[in-house]
Every structure is written in structure tokens, then in C-alpha cells.
């Protein structure tokens, strides 16, 4: 079945067609239009999946929150870079956003995991956060820089399919660059959330102890 374009689209792109003729979007564009705007659902499911995996790994509901709070920084950088280059958030840009979720989460895990180990060894929350930020900064910068350099050909792509490559490369490079520059926010997230979690756990333990003594 051929889906006819609107009258305004016909006039703009093809002009009046003879009777009995029509045209329609095909390929990736048609699939995008047929699927509708499912990007928010995909991003939401991606975040939920990452959160559940991290919660199972750390056996904690607070630790994944510390890691995932850095993801909006990456998404902001990706969308901002697309706007700066006047590129649309097409299906390739959306794939780049999903990649950003994994890349930024990986960088955050490097810091949060090390901070957790330092805290388990007896360091204060502040000392653990500062030590993790200082010790893990170099590996994060090295991997991020190598990834960005590897994607540079996509930013200046030419020829057939260049628009798709530029969209994907711009989203990933922009998001990863901003998230890496603002990686200092991850130790801050760790400090704030860990202090709140430990304070809540302490209050809960004291309340339970007080209830046991009263009985």
C-alpha cells in the first residue's frame, strides 16, 4: 500500500503529480515515521536496565543513584552539540544517546567503586570521595580521550551516508566530552548521597535499639 504525502509536501518537493501517481517515504525515514516517537521509552528502559544491573551488583539502591546522576550531563552535552552543529536528533543521534548512557555510567563506576572500597577500609566519606577522584581521574581521561579521537572521523564524514555518521559522532563526542569535563560532579554525588544514606541507616538503627530497650 502506498502512503500518499500531503498536498503541501507534494507542492514543495515534487510539484503536482499526474492522476494515479503518488509517492511515499521509504527506508529508514518511513520506519521512523511508522514507529512514532519511541525515544523517551527507549531511554527510560535503558536507564531502568542499568539501574537494576548496578543495584544487583552493589546490593544497594543508593549506589546506582550516585552513578546515574552523571548521565544527564552526558545527555546535555550530546543534545547541545547537535544543536550547535544544526543537526537533527534523528535515529542515529538517538543511538548515540543510548551509547552515552553506557559510557558515562562506566566512568562513574570507576570512581564510585574505588570510593566504596576506600570507605570499607575505614576512610571517611569525604576522604574516600577525594581519593577516588584523584586516583581514577587519569584512567578516565585516557579512555575518554582515546574514544573521542577514534570518533573524530565521524564528525567530518563526507560522501554517502555522511549525515548519519556526523549525527552519531557528534552526539557521542559531545556528550562524552562534557561528561568527562564535569566528572568532578561524581565524587560530589557520592559524598552527598553516601552521607544521607549512612545518616538514615544510623537513625534507623538507633530507633530500633531504642525500641528494643523500651520493650
N, C-alpha and C. Protein backbone atom coordinates (compact mmCIF):
# COMPACT_ATOMS: atom_id res chain seq x y z
N UNK A 1 0.85 -1.19 0.00
CA UNK A 1 0.00 0.00 0.00
C UNK A 1 0.89 1.24 0.00
N UNK A 2 0.62 2.18 -0.87
CA UNK A 2 1.41 3.40 -0.96
C UNK A 2 0.74 4.48 -0.14
N UNK A 3 1.51 5.07 0.75
CA UNK A 3 1.00 6.16 1.58
C UNK A 3 1.30 7.47 0.88
N UNK A 4 0.28 8.21 0.54
CA UNK A 4 0.49 9.44 -0.20
C UNK A 4 0.96 10.54 0.74
N UNK A 5 1.80 11.42 0.24
CA UNK A 5 2.24 12.56 1.02
C UNK A 5 1.15 13.62 1.02
N UNK A 6 1.28 14.59 1.91
CA UNK A 6 0.29 15.65 2.00
C UNK A 6 0.40 16.57 0.79
N UNK A 7 -0.61 17.43 0.60
CA UNK A 7 -0.61 18.33 -0.54
C UNK A 7 0.54 19.32 -0.48
N UNK A 8 0.82 19.84 0.76
CA UNK A 8 1.91 20.80 0.90
C UNK A 8 3.26 20.16 0.60
N UNK A 9 3.42 18.91 1.00
CA UNK A 9 4.68 18.21 0.73
C UNK A 9 4.85 17.96 -0.75
N UNK A 10 3.76 17.61 -1.45
CA UNK A 10 3.83 17.39 -2.90
C UNK A 10 4.25 18.67 -3.61
N UNK A 11 3.65 19.78 -3.18
CA UNK A 11 3.95 21.04 -3.85
C UNK A 11 5.39 21.45 -3.62
N UNK A 12 5.90 21.18 -2.42
CA UNK A 12 7.25 21.62 -2.08
C UNK A 12 8.32 20.77 -2.75
N UNK A 13 8.13 19.45 -2.77
CA UNK A 13 9.20 18.56 -3.22
C UNK A 13 9.02 18.06 -4.65
N UNK A 14 7.81 17.81 -5.06
CA UNK A 14 7.63 17.17 -6.36
C UNK A 14 6.70 17.94 -7.29
N UNK A 15 5.96 18.85 -6.74
CA UNK A 15 5.00 19.53 -7.58
C UNK A 15 3.79 18.64 -7.86
N UNK A 16 2.85 19.11 -8.62
CA UNK A 16 1.66 18.29 -8.93
C UNK A 16 2.04 17.03 -9.70
N UNK A 17 1.44 15.93 -9.33
CA UNK A 17 1.70 14.65 -10.00
C UNK A 17 0.51 14.30 -10.90
N UNK A 18 0.75 13.54 -11.93
CA UNK A 18 -0.36 13.10 -12.79
C UNK A 18 -1.34 12.24 -12.01
N UNK A 19 -2.54 12.17 -12.49
CA UNK A 19 -3.57 11.38 -11.81
C UNK A 19 -3.17 9.91 -11.79
N UNK A 20 -3.33 9.28 -10.60
CA UNK A 20 -2.98 7.88 -10.45
C UNK A 20 -1.57 7.65 -9.94
N UNK A 21 -0.79 8.73 -9.80
CA UNK A 21 0.58 8.61 -9.29
C UNK A 21 0.66 9.19 -7.88
N UNK A 22 1.52 8.60 -7.12
CA UNK A 22 1.74 9.09 -5.76
C UNK A 22 3.14 8.68 -5.32
N UNK A 23 3.55 9.10 -4.15
CA UNK A 23 4.85 8.69 -3.62
C UNK A 23 4.77 8.69 -2.10
N UNK A 24 5.78 8.10 -1.47
CA UNK A 24 5.77 7.97 -0.01
C UNK A 24 7.20 7.89 0.50
N UNK A 25 7.35 8.11 1.78
CA UNK A 25 8.64 7.91 2.42
C UNK A 25 8.99 6.42 2.43
N UNK A 26 10.27 6.11 2.27
CA UNK A 26 10.71 4.72 2.31
C UNK A 26 11.97 4.61 3.17
N UNK A 27 12.38 3.38 3.39
CA UNK A 27 13.63 3.13 4.11
C UNK A 27 13.55 3.55 5.57
N UNK A 28 14.64 4.12 6.05
CA UNK A 28 14.74 4.47 7.46
C UNK A 28 13.74 5.57 7.83
N UNK A 29 13.54 6.53 6.93
CA UNK A 29 12.60 7.61 7.23
C UNK A 29 11.20 7.08 7.42
N UNK A 30 10.77 6.16 6.55
CA UNK A 30 9.45 5.57 6.70
C UNK A 30 9.32 4.79 8.01
N UNK A 31 10.37 4.04 8.35
CA UNK A 31 10.34 3.28 9.59
C UNK A 31 10.25 4.20 10.81
N UNK A 32 10.95 5.34 10.76
CA UNK A 32 10.87 6.29 11.85
C UNK A 32 9.46 6.84 12.00
N UNK A 33 8.87 7.23 10.89
CA UNK A 33 7.52 7.78 10.93
C UNK A 33 6.50 6.74 11.38
N UNK A 34 6.69 5.49 10.95
CA UNK A 34 5.76 4.43 11.33
C UNK A 34 5.89 4.07 12.81
N UNK A 35 7.11 4.09 13.32
CA UNK A 35 7.32 3.72 14.73
C UNK A 35 6.86 4.81 15.67
N UNK A 36 6.88 6.06 15.20
CA UNK A 36 6.50 7.15 16.07
C UNK A 36 7.65 7.56 16.98
N UNK A 37 7.35 8.39 17.95
CA UNK A 37 8.38 8.90 18.85
C UNK A 37 8.53 7.95 20.03
N UNK A 38 9.38 6.94 19.87
CA UNK A 38 9.59 5.96 20.95
C UNK A 38 10.89 6.22 21.68
N UNK A 39 11.57 7.33 21.36
CA UNK A 39 12.86 7.63 22.01
C UNK A 39 12.73 7.73 23.53
N UNK A 40 11.74 8.45 24.08
CA UNK A 40 11.64 8.51 25.55
C UNK A 40 11.48 7.13 26.19
N UNK A 41 10.72 6.25 25.55
CA UNK A 41 10.55 4.90 26.09
C UNK A 41 11.87 4.14 26.07
N UNK A 42 12.63 4.26 24.98
CA UNK A 42 13.91 3.57 24.88
C UNK A 42 14.88 4.06 25.94
N UNK A 43 14.96 5.38 26.11
CA UNK A 43 15.87 5.93 27.09
C UNK A 43 15.46 5.53 28.51
N UNK A 44 14.15 5.55 28.76
CA UNK A 44 13.67 5.15 30.08
C UNK A 44 14.00 3.70 30.39
N UNK A 45 13.77 2.82 29.43
CA UNK A 45 14.09 1.41 29.63
C UNK A 45 15.59 1.19 29.80
N UNK A 46 16.40 1.96 29.07
CA UNK A 46 17.85 1.85 29.20
C UNK A 46 18.30 2.22 30.60
N UNK A 47 17.76 3.30 31.13
CA UNK A 47 18.12 3.74 32.47
C UNK A 47 17.67 2.73 33.52
N UNK A 48 16.46 2.20 33.35
CA UNK A 48 15.97 1.20 34.30
C UNK A 48 16.84 -0.05 34.28
N UNK A 49 17.22 -0.48 33.09
CA UNK A 49 18.05 -1.68 32.97
C UNK A 49 19.41 -1.46 33.65
N UNK A 50 20.04 -0.31 33.39
CA UNK A 50 21.34 -0.02 34.01
C UNK A 50 21.19 0.07 35.52
N UNK A 51 20.12 0.70 35.98
CA UNK A 51 19.90 0.83 37.43
C UNK A 51 19.75 -0.53 38.10
N UNK A 52 18.98 -1.41 37.49
CA UNK A 52 18.76 -2.73 38.09
C UNK A 52 20.04 -3.56 38.10
N UNK A 53 20.83 -3.47 37.03
CA UNK A 53 22.09 -4.20 36.98
C UNK A 53 23.04 -3.71 38.07
N UNK A 54 23.14 -2.39 38.23
CA UNK A 54 24.01 -1.84 39.26
C UNK A 54 23.51 -2.15 40.66
N UNK A 55 22.19 -2.12 40.84
CA UNK A 55 21.64 -2.45 42.15
C UNK A 55 21.94 -3.89 42.53
N UNK A 56 21.87 -4.79 41.56
CA UNK A 56 22.21 -6.19 41.83
C UNK A 56 23.70 -6.36 42.09
N UNK A 57 24.52 -5.60 41.39
CA UNK A 57 25.97 -5.72 41.56
C UNK A 57 26.42 -5.22 42.93
N UNK A 58 25.91 -4.07 43.35
CA UNK A 58 26.34 -3.48 44.61
C UNK A 58 25.45 -3.87 45.79
N UNK A 59 24.33 -4.54 45.51
CA UNK A 59 23.38 -4.91 46.55
C UNK A 59 22.96 -3.69 47.35
N UNK A 60 22.68 -2.61 46.63
CA UNK A 60 22.30 -1.35 47.26
C UNK A 60 21.46 -0.56 46.29
N UNK A 61 20.50 0.20 46.82
CA UNK A 61 19.69 1.07 45.99
C UNK A 61 20.31 2.45 45.86
N UNK A 62 21.22 2.81 46.76
CA UNK A 62 21.82 4.14 46.74
C UNK A 62 22.98 4.24 45.76
N UNK A 63 23.80 3.19 45.68
CA UNK A 63 24.98 3.24 44.82
C UNK A 63 24.63 3.50 43.35
N UNK A 64 23.62 2.84 42.78
CA UNK A 64 23.29 3.15 41.38
C UNK A 64 22.87 4.59 41.16
N UNK A 65 22.23 5.19 42.16
CA UNK A 65 21.81 6.58 42.02
C UNK A 65 23.01 7.50 41.87
N UNK A 66 24.07 7.23 42.66
CA UNK A 66 25.30 8.03 42.55
C UNK A 66 25.87 7.97 41.14
N UNK A 67 25.80 6.80 40.54
CA UNK A 67 26.37 6.61 39.20
C UNK A 67 25.49 7.24 38.12
N UNK A 68 24.19 7.04 38.23
CA UNK A 68 23.29 7.50 37.17
C UNK A 68 23.09 9.02 37.18
N UNK A 69 23.41 9.69 38.27
CA UNK A 69 23.21 11.14 38.32
C UNK A 69 24.15 11.88 37.37
N UNK A 70 25.21 11.21 36.92
CA UNK A 70 26.12 11.84 35.96
C UNK A 70 25.61 11.71 34.52
N UNK A 71 24.65 10.84 34.27
CA UNK A 71 24.17 10.62 32.90
C UNK A 71 23.52 11.86 32.30
N UNK A 72 22.70 12.64 33.05
CA UNK A 72 22.14 13.86 32.44
C UNK A 72 23.19 14.82 31.91
N UNK A 73 24.39 14.82 32.50
CA UNK A 73 25.45 15.69 31.99
C UNK A 73 25.85 15.25 30.58
N UNK A 74 25.97 13.94 30.38
CA UNK A 74 26.31 13.43 29.06
C UNK A 74 25.22 13.69 28.04
N UNK A 75 23.96 13.49 28.44
CA UNK A 75 22.85 13.75 27.52
C UNK A 75 22.77 15.23 27.16
N UNK A 76 23.04 16.09 28.13
CA UNK A 76 23.03 17.53 27.85
C UNK A 76 24.12 17.89 26.84
N UNK A 77 25.30 17.31 27.01
CA UNK A 77 26.36 17.58 26.05
C UNK A 77 26.05 17.06 24.66
N UNK A 78 25.41 15.89 24.58
CA UNK A 78 25.07 15.32 23.28
C UNK A 78 24.03 16.17 22.54
N UNK A 79 22.97 16.53 23.24
CA UNK A 79 21.93 17.35 22.61
C UNK A 79 22.47 18.73 22.26
N UNK A 80 23.27 19.31 23.16
CA UNK A 80 23.84 20.62 22.90
C UNK A 80 24.76 20.63 21.69
N UNK A 81 25.56 19.58 21.54
CA UNK A 81 26.46 19.52 20.39
C UNK A 81 25.69 19.38 19.08
N UNK A 82 24.59 18.65 19.11
CA UNK A 82 23.75 18.54 17.91
C UNK A 82 23.14 19.89 17.54
N UNK A 83 22.72 20.64 18.56
CA UNK A 83 22.15 21.96 18.29
C UNK A 83 23.20 22.92 17.75
N UNK A 84 24.41 22.85 18.28
CA UNK A 84 25.48 23.73 17.81
C UNK A 84 25.78 23.48 16.34
N UNK A 85 25.75 22.23 15.92
CA UNK A 85 26.03 21.89 14.52
C UNK A 85 24.78 21.88 13.65
N UNK A 86 23.65 22.29 14.23
CA UNK A 86 22.38 22.37 13.48
C UNK A 86 22.00 21.02 12.90
N UNK A 87 22.19 19.96 13.69
CA UNK A 87 21.83 18.61 13.27
C UNK A 87 20.56 18.17 14.00
N UNK A 88 19.75 17.37 13.34
CA UNK A 88 18.53 16.85 13.94
C UNK A 88 18.85 15.67 14.85
N UNK A 89 18.00 15.48 15.84
CA UNK A 89 18.13 14.31 16.71
C UNK A 89 17.42 13.14 16.02
N UNK A 90 18.06 12.60 15.00
CA UNK A 90 17.47 11.51 14.24
C UNK A 90 17.75 10.18 14.93
N UNK A 91 17.48 9.10 14.22
CA UNK A 91 17.65 7.78 14.82
C UNK A 91 19.11 7.51 15.18
N UNK A 92 20.02 8.06 14.39
CA UNK A 92 21.44 7.85 14.70
C UNK A 92 21.86 8.65 15.93
N UNK A 93 21.33 9.86 16.06
CA UNK A 93 21.59 10.63 17.26
C UNK A 93 21.02 9.96 18.50
N UNK A 94 19.87 9.32 18.34
CA UNK A 94 19.27 8.60 19.47
C UNK A 94 20.10 7.40 19.86
N UNK A 95 20.68 6.72 18.87
CA UNK A 95 21.59 5.62 19.18
C UNK A 95 22.80 6.15 19.96
N UNK A 96 23.27 7.33 19.57
CA UNK A 96 24.37 7.95 20.28
C UNK A 96 24.01 8.25 21.73
N UNK A 97 22.78 8.67 21.99
CA UNK A 97 22.36 8.94 23.36
C UNK A 97 22.37 7.66 24.20
N UNK A 98 21.93 6.56 23.61
CA UNK A 98 21.98 5.29 24.34
C UNK A 98 23.42 4.89 24.65
N UNK A 99 24.32 5.14 23.69
CA UNK A 99 25.73 4.86 23.93
C UNK A 99 26.28 5.72 25.06
N UNK A 100 25.83 6.97 25.12
CA UNK A 100 26.29 7.89 26.16
C UNK A 100 25.93 7.36 27.54
N UNK A 101 24.76 6.75 27.67
CA UNK A 101 24.34 6.21 28.96
C UNK A 101 25.37 5.20 29.46
N UNK A 102 25.80 4.30 28.58
CA UNK A 102 26.78 3.30 28.99
C UNK A 102 28.16 3.88 29.24
N UNK A 103 28.60 4.81 28.39
CA UNK A 103 29.94 5.38 28.54
C UNK A 103 30.06 6.22 29.80
N UNK A 104 29.06 7.05 30.07
CA UNK A 104 29.12 7.88 31.27
C UNK A 104 28.98 7.03 32.53
N UNK A 105 28.12 6.03 32.49
CA UNK A 105 27.99 5.13 33.64
C UNK A 105 29.29 4.41 33.93
N UNK A 106 30.02 4.04 32.86
CA UNK A 106 31.31 3.37 33.06
C UNK A 106 32.30 4.26 33.79
N UNK A 107 32.38 5.52 33.39
CA UNK A 107 33.28 6.46 34.06
C UNK A 107 32.89 6.68 35.51
N UNK A 108 31.59 6.76 35.77
CA UNK A 108 31.14 6.96 37.14
C UNK A 108 31.43 5.74 38.01
N UNK A 109 31.31 4.56 37.42
CA UNK A 109 31.58 3.33 38.18
C UNK A 109 33.04 3.31 38.63
N UNK A 110 33.96 3.78 37.80
CA UNK A 110 35.37 3.79 38.17
C UNK A 110 35.61 4.57 39.45
N UNK A 111 34.89 5.67 39.62
CA UNK A 111 35.07 6.50 40.81
C UNK A 111 34.29 5.94 42.00
N UNK A 112 33.03 5.61 41.79
CA UNK A 112 32.19 5.15 42.89
C UNK A 112 32.69 3.83 43.47
N UNK A 113 33.13 2.92 42.61
CA UNK A 113 33.63 1.64 43.08
C UNK A 113 34.88 1.83 43.94
N UNK A 114 35.80 2.68 43.51
CA UNK A 114 37.01 2.92 44.29
C UNK A 114 36.69 3.63 45.59
N UNK A 115 35.76 4.58 45.55
CA UNK A 115 35.36 5.28 46.78
C UNK A 115 34.72 4.31 47.77
N UNK A 116 33.94 3.37 47.28
CA UNK A 116 33.32 2.38 48.16
C UNK A 116 34.39 1.51 48.82
N UNK A 117 35.40 1.11 48.07
CA UNK A 117 36.49 0.32 48.65
C UNK A 117 37.24 1.09 49.73
N UNK A 118 37.50 2.37 49.48
CA UNK A 118 38.18 3.19 50.48
C UNK A 118 37.32 3.37 51.73
N UNK A 119 36.04 3.52 51.52
CA UNK A 119 35.12 3.67 52.67
C UNK A 119 35.08 2.38 53.49
N UNK A 120 35.08 1.25 52.83
CA UNK A 120 35.07 -0.03 53.54
C UNK A 120 36.36 -0.25 54.32
N UNK A 121 37.44 0.39 53.89
CA UNK A 121 38.72 0.25 54.59
C UNK A 121 38.84 1.20 55.77
N UNK A 122 37.84 2.04 56.00
CA UNK A 122 37.83 2.90 57.17
C UNK A 122 37.99 4.38 56.90
N UNK A 123 38.17 4.79 55.65
CA UNK A 123 38.27 6.22 55.36
C UNK A 123 36.93 6.90 55.57
N UNK A 124 36.99 8.20 55.86
CA UNK A 124 35.75 8.96 55.96
C UNK A 124 35.12 9.10 54.57
N UNK A 125 33.88 9.51 54.54
CA UNK A 125 33.19 9.65 53.26
C UNK A 125 33.89 10.69 52.39
N UNK A 126 34.29 11.80 53.00
CA UNK A 126 34.97 12.85 52.24
C UNK A 126 36.32 12.38 51.72
N UNK A 127 37.10 11.72 52.58
CA UNK A 127 38.42 11.23 52.16
C UNK A 127 38.28 10.17 51.07
N UNK A 128 37.29 9.31 51.20
CA UNK A 128 37.08 8.28 50.18
C UNK A 128 36.74 8.89 48.83
N UNK A 129 35.88 9.92 48.84
CA UNK A 129 35.50 10.58 47.59
C UNK A 129 36.69 11.30 46.96
N UNK A 130 37.47 12.00 47.76
CA UNK A 130 38.62 12.74 47.24
C UNK A 130 39.70 11.79 46.71
N UNK A 131 39.95 10.71 47.43
CA UNK A 131 40.95 9.75 46.98
C UNK A 131 40.52 9.09 45.68
N UNK A 132 39.26 8.72 45.58
CA UNK A 132 38.76 8.08 44.35
C UNK A 132 38.86 9.03 43.16
N UNK A 133 38.51 10.31 43.38
CA UNK A 133 38.59 11.27 42.29
C UNK A 133 40.03 11.47 41.83
N UNK A 134 40.95 11.49 42.77
CA UNK A 134 42.36 11.71 42.41
C UNK A 134 42.97 10.49 41.74
N UNK A 135 42.65 9.30 42.22
CA UNK A 135 43.28 8.09 41.71
C UNK A 135 42.68 7.62 40.38
N UNK A 136 41.42 7.88 40.14
CA UNK A 136 40.76 7.37 38.94
C UNK A 136 40.64 8.39 37.83
N UNK A 137 41.12 9.62 38.07
CA UNK A 137 40.99 10.65 37.05
C UNK A 137 41.80 10.30 35.80
N UNK A 138 43.03 9.83 35.97
CA UNK A 138 43.87 9.52 34.82
C UNK A 138 43.28 8.43 33.93
N UNK A 139 42.86 7.29 34.48
CA UNK A 139 42.24 6.27 33.60
C UNK A 139 41.01 6.78 32.86
N UNK A 140 40.21 7.60 33.53
CA UNK A 140 39.01 8.13 32.89
C UNK A 140 39.39 9.05 31.73
N UNK A 141 40.36 9.93 31.95
CA UNK A 141 40.78 10.85 30.89
C UNK A 141 41.41 10.10 29.72
N UNK A 142 42.19 9.07 30.01
CA UNK A 142 42.84 8.31 28.94
C UNK A 142 41.82 7.59 28.07
N UNK A 143 40.87 6.91 28.69
CA UNK A 143 39.86 6.17 27.91
C UNK A 143 38.93 7.12 27.16
N UNK A 144 38.54 8.22 27.81
CA UNK A 144 37.65 9.17 27.14
C UNK A 144 38.34 9.83 25.96
N UNK A 145 39.60 10.22 26.14
CA UNK A 145 40.34 10.86 25.06
C UNK A 145 40.54 9.91 23.88
N UNK A 146 40.88 8.66 24.18
CA UNK A 146 41.06 7.69 23.11
C UNK A 146 39.75 7.46 22.35
N UNK A 147 38.65 7.41 23.07
CA UNK A 147 37.35 7.20 22.42
C UNK A 147 36.99 8.39 21.54
N UNK A 148 37.21 9.60 22.05
CA UNK A 148 36.87 10.80 21.28
C UNK A 148 37.73 10.89 20.02
N UNK A 149 39.02 10.62 20.13
CA UNK A 149 39.90 10.67 18.97
C UNK A 149 39.47 9.62 17.94
N UNK A 150 39.05 8.45 18.40
CA UNK A 150 38.60 7.42 17.49
C UNK A 150 37.34 7.78 16.73
N UNK A 151 36.53 8.67 17.31
CA UNK A 151 35.28 9.06 16.66
C UNK A 151 35.40 10.33 15.83
N UNK A 152 36.56 10.96 15.83
CA UNK A 152 36.71 12.21 15.08
C UNK A 152 36.40 12.06 13.59
N UNK A 153 36.76 10.93 12.93
CA UNK A 153 36.38 10.81 11.50
C UNK A 153 34.88 10.90 11.26
N UNK A 154 34.08 10.50 12.25
CA UNK A 154 32.63 10.62 12.07
C UNK A 154 32.18 12.07 12.05
N UNK A 155 32.88 12.93 12.76
CA UNK A 155 32.47 14.33 12.84
C UNK A 155 32.66 15.05 11.51
N UNK A 156 33.64 14.62 10.75
CA UNK A 156 33.95 15.30 9.47
C UNK A 156 33.66 14.40 8.29
N UNK A 157 32.76 13.46 8.46
CA UNK A 157 32.46 12.49 7.40
C UNK A 157 31.89 13.19 6.17
N UNK A 158 32.21 12.66 5.01
CA UNK A 158 31.68 13.17 3.75
C UNK A 158 31.25 11.98 2.89
N UNK A 159 30.53 12.27 1.85
CA UNK A 159 30.11 11.22 0.93
C UNK A 159 28.78 10.61 1.33
N UNK A 160 28.50 9.43 0.76
CA UNK A 160 27.23 8.76 1.02
C UNK A 160 27.12 8.35 2.49
N UNK A 161 25.99 8.65 3.10
CA UNK A 161 25.76 8.31 4.50
C UNK A 161 26.48 9.22 5.48
N UNK A 162 27.00 10.34 5.01
CA UNK A 162 27.76 11.24 5.89
C UNK A 162 26.88 11.84 6.97
N UNK A 163 25.62 12.14 6.65
CA UNK A 163 24.73 12.76 7.63
C UNK A 163 24.52 11.84 8.83
N UNK A 164 24.37 10.56 8.57
CA UNK A 164 24.17 9.60 9.67
C UNK A 164 25.41 9.52 10.54
N UNK A 165 26.59 9.48 9.92
CA UNK A 165 27.83 9.38 10.67
C UNK A 165 28.09 10.65 11.48
N UNK A 166 27.80 11.80 10.89
CA UNK A 166 28.00 13.05 11.62
C UNK A 166 27.06 13.16 12.81
N UNK A 167 25.83 12.71 12.63
CA UNK A 167 24.87 12.77 13.73
C UNK A 167 25.29 11.88 14.89
N UNK A 168 25.68 10.65 14.58
CA UNK A 168 26.12 9.72 15.63
C UNK A 168 27.39 10.20 16.30
N UNK A 169 28.39 10.60 15.51
CA UNK A 169 29.64 11.04 16.07
C UNK A 169 29.50 12.30 16.92
N UNK A 170 28.69 13.24 16.46
CA UNK A 170 28.51 14.48 17.20
C UNK A 170 27.86 14.23 18.55
N UNK A 171 26.84 13.39 18.58
CA UNK A 171 26.15 13.10 19.83
C UNK A 171 27.08 12.43 20.83
N UNK A 172 27.83 11.44 20.39
CA UNK A 172 28.68 10.68 21.31
C UNK A 172 29.86 11.53 21.78
N UNK A 173 30.53 12.21 20.85
CA UNK A 173 31.69 13.02 21.22
C UNK A 173 31.28 14.18 22.13
N UNK A 174 30.21 14.88 21.78
CA UNK A 174 29.77 15.99 22.61
C UNK A 174 29.35 15.56 24.00
N UNK A 175 28.58 14.47 24.07
CA UNK A 175 28.13 14.00 25.38
C UNK A 175 29.26 13.50 26.25
N UNK A 176 30.17 12.71 25.66
CA UNK A 176 31.28 12.17 26.43
C UNK A 176 32.24 13.27 26.86
N UNK A 177 32.46 14.26 25.99
CA UNK A 177 33.37 15.35 26.33
C UNK A 177 32.86 16.15 27.52
N UNK A 178 31.57 16.52 27.49
CA UNK A 178 31.03 17.31 28.61
C UNK A 178 30.99 16.49 29.90
N UNK A 179 30.60 15.22 29.79
CA UNK A 179 30.55 14.38 30.98
C UNK A 179 31.94 14.17 31.57
N UNK A 180 32.96 14.09 30.73
CA UNK A 180 34.33 13.93 31.23
C UNK A 180 34.83 15.21 31.87
N UNK A 181 34.51 16.35 31.27
CA UNK A 181 34.92 17.62 31.86
C UNK A 181 34.27 17.82 33.23
N UNK A 182 33.02 17.41 33.36
CA UNK A 182 32.29 17.59 34.62
C UNK A 182 32.32 16.32 35.47
N UNK A 183 33.33 15.47 35.27
CA UNK A 183 33.42 14.23 36.04
C UNK A 183 33.62 14.52 37.52
N UNK A 184 34.05 15.75 37.84
CA UNK A 184 34.24 16.14 39.23
C UNK A 184 32.92 16.10 40.00
N UNK A 185 31.80 16.11 39.29
CA UNK A 185 30.49 16.07 39.96
C UNK A 185 30.22 14.70 40.58
N UNK A 186 30.82 13.64 40.05
CA UNK A 186 30.55 12.30 40.55
C UNK A 186 31.00 12.13 42.00
N UNK A 187 32.22 12.55 42.40
CA UNK A 187 32.57 12.46 43.82
C UNK A 187 31.64 13.28 44.72
N UNK A 188 31.15 14.40 44.19
CA UNK A 188 30.20 15.21 44.97
C UNK A 188 28.91 14.44 45.17
N UNK A 189 28.41 13.81 44.11
CA UNK A 189 27.20 12.99 44.23
C UNK A 189 27.43 11.87 45.25
N UNK A 190 28.60 11.24 45.17
CA UNK A 190 28.90 10.15 46.11
C UNK A 190 28.87 10.67 47.54
N UNK A 191 29.52 11.78 47.78
CA UNK A 191 29.61 12.32 49.14
C UNK A 191 28.22 12.64 49.70
N UNK A 192 27.42 13.35 48.90
CA UNK A 192 26.10 13.77 49.38
C UNK A 192 25.20 12.57 49.64
N UNK A 193 25.13 11.65 48.70
CA UNK A 193 24.22 10.52 48.84
C UNK A 193 24.69 9.53 49.91
N UNK A 194 26.02 9.31 49.98
CA UNK A 194 26.53 8.38 50.99
C UNK A 194 26.34 8.93 52.40
N UNK A 195 26.53 10.23 52.59
CA UNK A 195 26.28 10.83 53.90
C UNK A 195 24.81 10.69 54.28
N UNK A 196 23.93 10.95 53.32
CA UNK A 196 22.50 10.82 53.60
C UNK A 196 22.12 9.38 53.89
N UNK A 197 22.69 8.43 53.14
CA UNK A 197 22.37 7.02 53.34
C UNK A 197 22.85 6.54 54.71
N UNK A 198 24.08 6.88 55.06
CA UNK A 198 24.60 6.45 56.35
C UNK A 198 23.87 7.12 57.50
N UNK A 199 23.51 8.38 57.33
CA UNK A 199 22.73 9.05 58.37
C UNK A 199 21.38 8.42 58.57
N UNK A 200 20.74 8.04 57.47
CA UNK A 200 19.43 7.39 57.58
C UNK A 200 19.56 6.02 58.21
N UNK A 201 20.60 5.29 57.84
CA UNK A 201 20.81 3.95 58.43
C UNK A 201 21.11 4.05 59.91
N UNK A 202 21.89 5.06 60.31
CA UNK A 202 22.20 5.25 61.73
C UNK A 202 20.96 5.57 62.53
N UNK A 203 20.12 6.46 62.00
CA UNK A 203 18.88 6.79 62.69
C UNK A 203 17.97 5.58 62.81
N UNK A 204 17.93 4.79 61.77
CA UNK A 204 17.08 3.59 61.80
C UNK A 204 17.60 2.59 62.82
N UNK A 205 18.92 2.44 62.91
CA UNK A 205 19.50 1.51 63.89
C UNK A 205 19.26 2.00 65.31
N UNK A 206 19.44 3.30 65.55
CA UNK A 206 19.21 3.85 66.88
C UNK A 206 17.75 3.73 67.28
N UNK A 207 16.84 3.94 66.33
CA UNK A 207 15.41 3.81 66.64
C UNK A 207 15.08 2.36 66.99
N UNK A 208 15.66 1.42 66.24
CA UNK A 208 15.41 0.01 66.54
C UNK A 208 15.99 -0.36 67.90
N UNK A 209 17.18 0.15 68.23
CA UNK A 209 17.76 -0.13 69.54
C UNK A 209 16.94 0.45 70.66
N UNK A 210 16.44 1.68 70.47
CA UNK A 210 15.61 2.30 71.49
C UNK A 210 14.31 1.54 71.68
N UNK A 211 13.75 1.04 70.59
CA UNK A 211 12.53 0.25 70.71
C UNK A 211 12.76 -1.05 71.43
N UNK A 212 13.93 -1.67 71.21
CA UNK A 212 14.24 -2.93 71.90
C UNK A 212 14.43 -2.71 73.40
N UNK A 213 15.07 -1.57 73.76
CA UNK A 213 15.28 -1.31 75.19
C UNK A 213 13.95 -1.03 75.90
N UNK A 214 13.05 -0.33 75.21
CA UNK A 214 11.77 0.00 75.84
C UNK A 214 10.91 -1.22 76.09
N UNK A 215 11.11 -2.26 75.30
CA UNK A 215 10.32 -3.47 75.50
C UNK A 215 10.97 -4.36 76.54
